[in-house]
Amino acid sequence: MVTISPLSKIISLSCVLAIGFLLIILSCALYGNWLPLTIVALFLLAPVPNALCGSHQSEDFMSDSSSTVVDFGRFATGFLVFSGLALPIVLAHNHLITFAAMAMSLSGGLLVYTTIVTFGAFFRDSEEF
């Protein structure tokens, strides 16, 4: 089994995060409209409710006993992720941003969110051993 050092994990995740932010900023700067920049706030705030409410979770993820706090954290995270995905589509539908800006901000936002989730997963697993 190949093990990847924590330093190379951090470097690779920071490169992907930089590409995501670059896509979002380019979607704003190239088309002269800074509305897609609001997506960054949604994707950066999305993992926060799940992280805050995750401390109330039992050890077994698949167990039937789930608390209301954990369910609320999952709901709030899902709401923020869905809002981050839907906002550029709504802005493009109302002709406030172009289709190309929508595509760039969606792909950049997804890169930012998946980088944050992957960062948490990489370093949560290494602490359990």
Protein backbone atom coordinates (compact mmCIF):
# COMPACT_ATOMS: atom_id res chain seq x y z
CA MET A 1 0.00 0.00 0.00
CA VAL A 2 1.37 3.36 -1.00
CA THR A 3 1.31 5.98 1.72
CA ILE A 4 1.32 9.64 0.85
CA SER A 5 3.09 12.00 3.19
CA PRO A 6 1.02 14.71 4.88
CA LEU A 7 3.14 17.42 3.26
CA SER A 8 2.35 16.20 -0.26
CA LYS A 9 -1.35 15.98 0.68
CA ILE A 10 -1.32 19.60 1.82
CA ILE A 11 0.56 20.76 -1.29
CA SER A 12 -1.75 18.95 -3.69
CA LEU A 13 -4.90 20.13 -1.90
CA SER A 14 -3.63 23.72 -1.84
CA CYS A 15 -3.00 23.57 -5.60
CA VAL A 16 -6.54 22.35 -6.25
CA LEU A 17 -7.92 25.00 -3.90
CA ALA A 18 -5.96 27.70 -5.71
CA ILE A 19 -7.32 26.51 -9.07
CA GLY A 20 -10.87 26.66 -7.65
CA PHE A 21 -10.41 30.21 -6.37
CA LEU A 22 -8.77 31.19 -9.67
CA LEU A 23 -11.77 29.92 -11.63
CA ILE A 24 -14.19 31.84 -9.44
CA ILE A 25 -12.18 35.07 -9.60
CA LEU A 26 -11.75 34.70 -13.37
CA SER A 27 -15.49 34.19 -13.77
CA CYS A 28 -15.91 37.58 -12.12
CA ALA A 29 -13.01 39.48 -13.68
CA LEU A 30 -13.30 38.30 -17.28
CA TYR A 31 -16.94 39.25 -17.59
CA GLY A 32 -16.92 42.41 -15.46
CA ASN A 33 -19.50 41.22 -12.95
CA TRP A 34 -18.56 40.36 -9.37
CA LEU A 35 -21.79 38.59 -8.39
CA PRO A 36 -20.31 35.08 -8.71
CA LEU A 37 -17.92 35.93 -5.88
CA THR A 38 -20.76 35.34 -3.40
CA ILE A 39 -20.47 31.64 -4.17
CA VAL A 40 -17.13 31.52 -2.37
CA ALA A 41 -18.81 32.45 0.92
CA LEU A 42 -21.43 29.73 0.50
CA PHE A 43 -18.91 26.99 -0.25
CA LEU A 44 -16.57 28.09 2.53
CA LEU A 45 -19.42 28.10 5.07
CA ALA A 46 -20.92 24.80 3.86
CA PRO A 47 -18.77 22.39 5.95
CA VAL A 48 -19.09 24.46 9.14
CA PRO A 49 -22.50 23.17 10.37
CA ASN A 50 -21.49 19.57 9.77
CA ALA A 51 -18.19 20.09 11.59
CA LEU A 52 -19.85 21.81 14.56
CA CYS A 53 -22.66 19.29 14.89
CA GLY A 54 -20.48 16.26 14.14
CA SER A 55 -19.19 16.07 17.70
CA HIS A 56 -22.61 14.81 18.81
CA GLN A 57 -22.44 11.83 16.45
CA SER A 58 -22.09 8.29 17.76
CA GLU A 59 -19.17 6.09 16.76
CA ASP A 60 -21.11 4.02 14.24
CA PHE A 61 -22.13 6.07 11.21
CA MET A 62 -24.71 3.54 10.04
CA SER A 63 -26.47 3.17 13.39
CA ASP A 64 -30.13 4.06 13.65
CA SER A 65 -29.62 6.29 16.67
CA SER A 66 -29.14 9.79 15.28
CA SER A 67 -29.49 12.99 17.22
CA THR A 68 -31.38 16.04 16.13
CA VAL A 69 -28.23 18.16 16.28
CA VAL A 70 -26.40 15.89 13.81
CA ASP A 71 -29.41 15.87 11.48
CA PHE A 72 -29.60 19.66 11.61
CA GLY A 73 -25.90 19.92 10.79
CA ARG A 74 -26.34 17.66 7.78
CA PHE A 75 -29.40 19.61 6.64
CA ALA A 76 -27.66 22.97 6.97
CA THR A 77 -24.60 21.68 5.10
CA GLY A 78 -26.78 20.28 2.32
CA PHE A 79 -28.72 23.54 2.12
CA LEU A 80 -25.54 25.61 1.78
CA VAL A 81 -24.05 23.28 -0.85
CA PHE A 82 -27.28 23.28 -2.84
CA SER A 83 -27.50 27.07 -2.57
CA GLY A 84 -23.92 27.36 -3.80
CA LEU A 85 -24.77 25.21 -6.80
CA ALA A 86 -28.09 26.87 -7.54
CA LEU A 87 -27.02 30.52 -7.18
CA PRO A 88 -24.92 30.72 -10.37
CA ILE A 89 -27.65 28.92 -12.30
CA VAL A 90 -30.26 31.40 -11.09
CA LEU A 91 -27.98 34.35 -11.85
CA ALA A 92 -27.33 33.05 -15.36
CA HIS A 93 -31.02 32.34 -15.93
CA ASN A 94 -31.86 35.95 -15.02
CA HIS A 95 -29.08 37.19 -17.35
CA LEU A 96 -27.15 38.78 -14.50
CA ILE A 97 -24.06 36.73 -15.43
CA THR A 98 -23.09 34.97 -18.64
CA PHE A 99 -23.26 31.23 -19.21
CA ALA A 100 -19.46 30.98 -19.30
CA ALA A 101 -19.21 32.79 -15.95
CA MET A 102 -21.78 30.37 -14.54
CA ALA A 103 -19.80 27.35 -15.72
CA MET A 104 -16.53 28.72 -14.36
CA SER A 105 -18.00 29.65 -10.98
CA LEU A 106 -19.75 26.28 -10.65
CA SER A 107 -16.60 24.32 -11.40
CA GLY A 108 -14.50 26.55 -9.16
CA GLY A 109 -17.01 26.31 -6.33
CA LEU A 110 -17.13 22.54 -6.59
CA LEU A 111 -13.33 22.40 -6.50
CA VAL A 112 -13.25 24.60 -3.39
CA TYR A 113 -15.88 22.54 -1.57
CA THR A 114 -14.40 19.16 -2.47
CA THR A 115 -10.96 20.38 -1.40
CA ILE A 116 -12.31 21.40 2.00
CA VAL A 117 -14.10 18.07 2.46
CA THR A 118 -11.08 16.09 1.27
CA PHE A 119 -8.78 18.01 3.60
CA GLY A 120 -11.02 17.14 6.53
CA ALA A 121 -11.23 13.48 5.50
CA PHE A 122 -7.47 13.09 5.00
CA PHE A 123 -6.52 14.45 8.37
CA ARG A 124 -9.42 13.04 10.34
CA ASP A 125 -8.42 9.50 9.29
CA SER A 126 -4.77 10.00 10.23
CA GLU A 127 -5.70 11.11 13.77
CA GLU A 128 -7.78 8.00 14.49
CA PHE A 129 -4.80 5.60 14.27
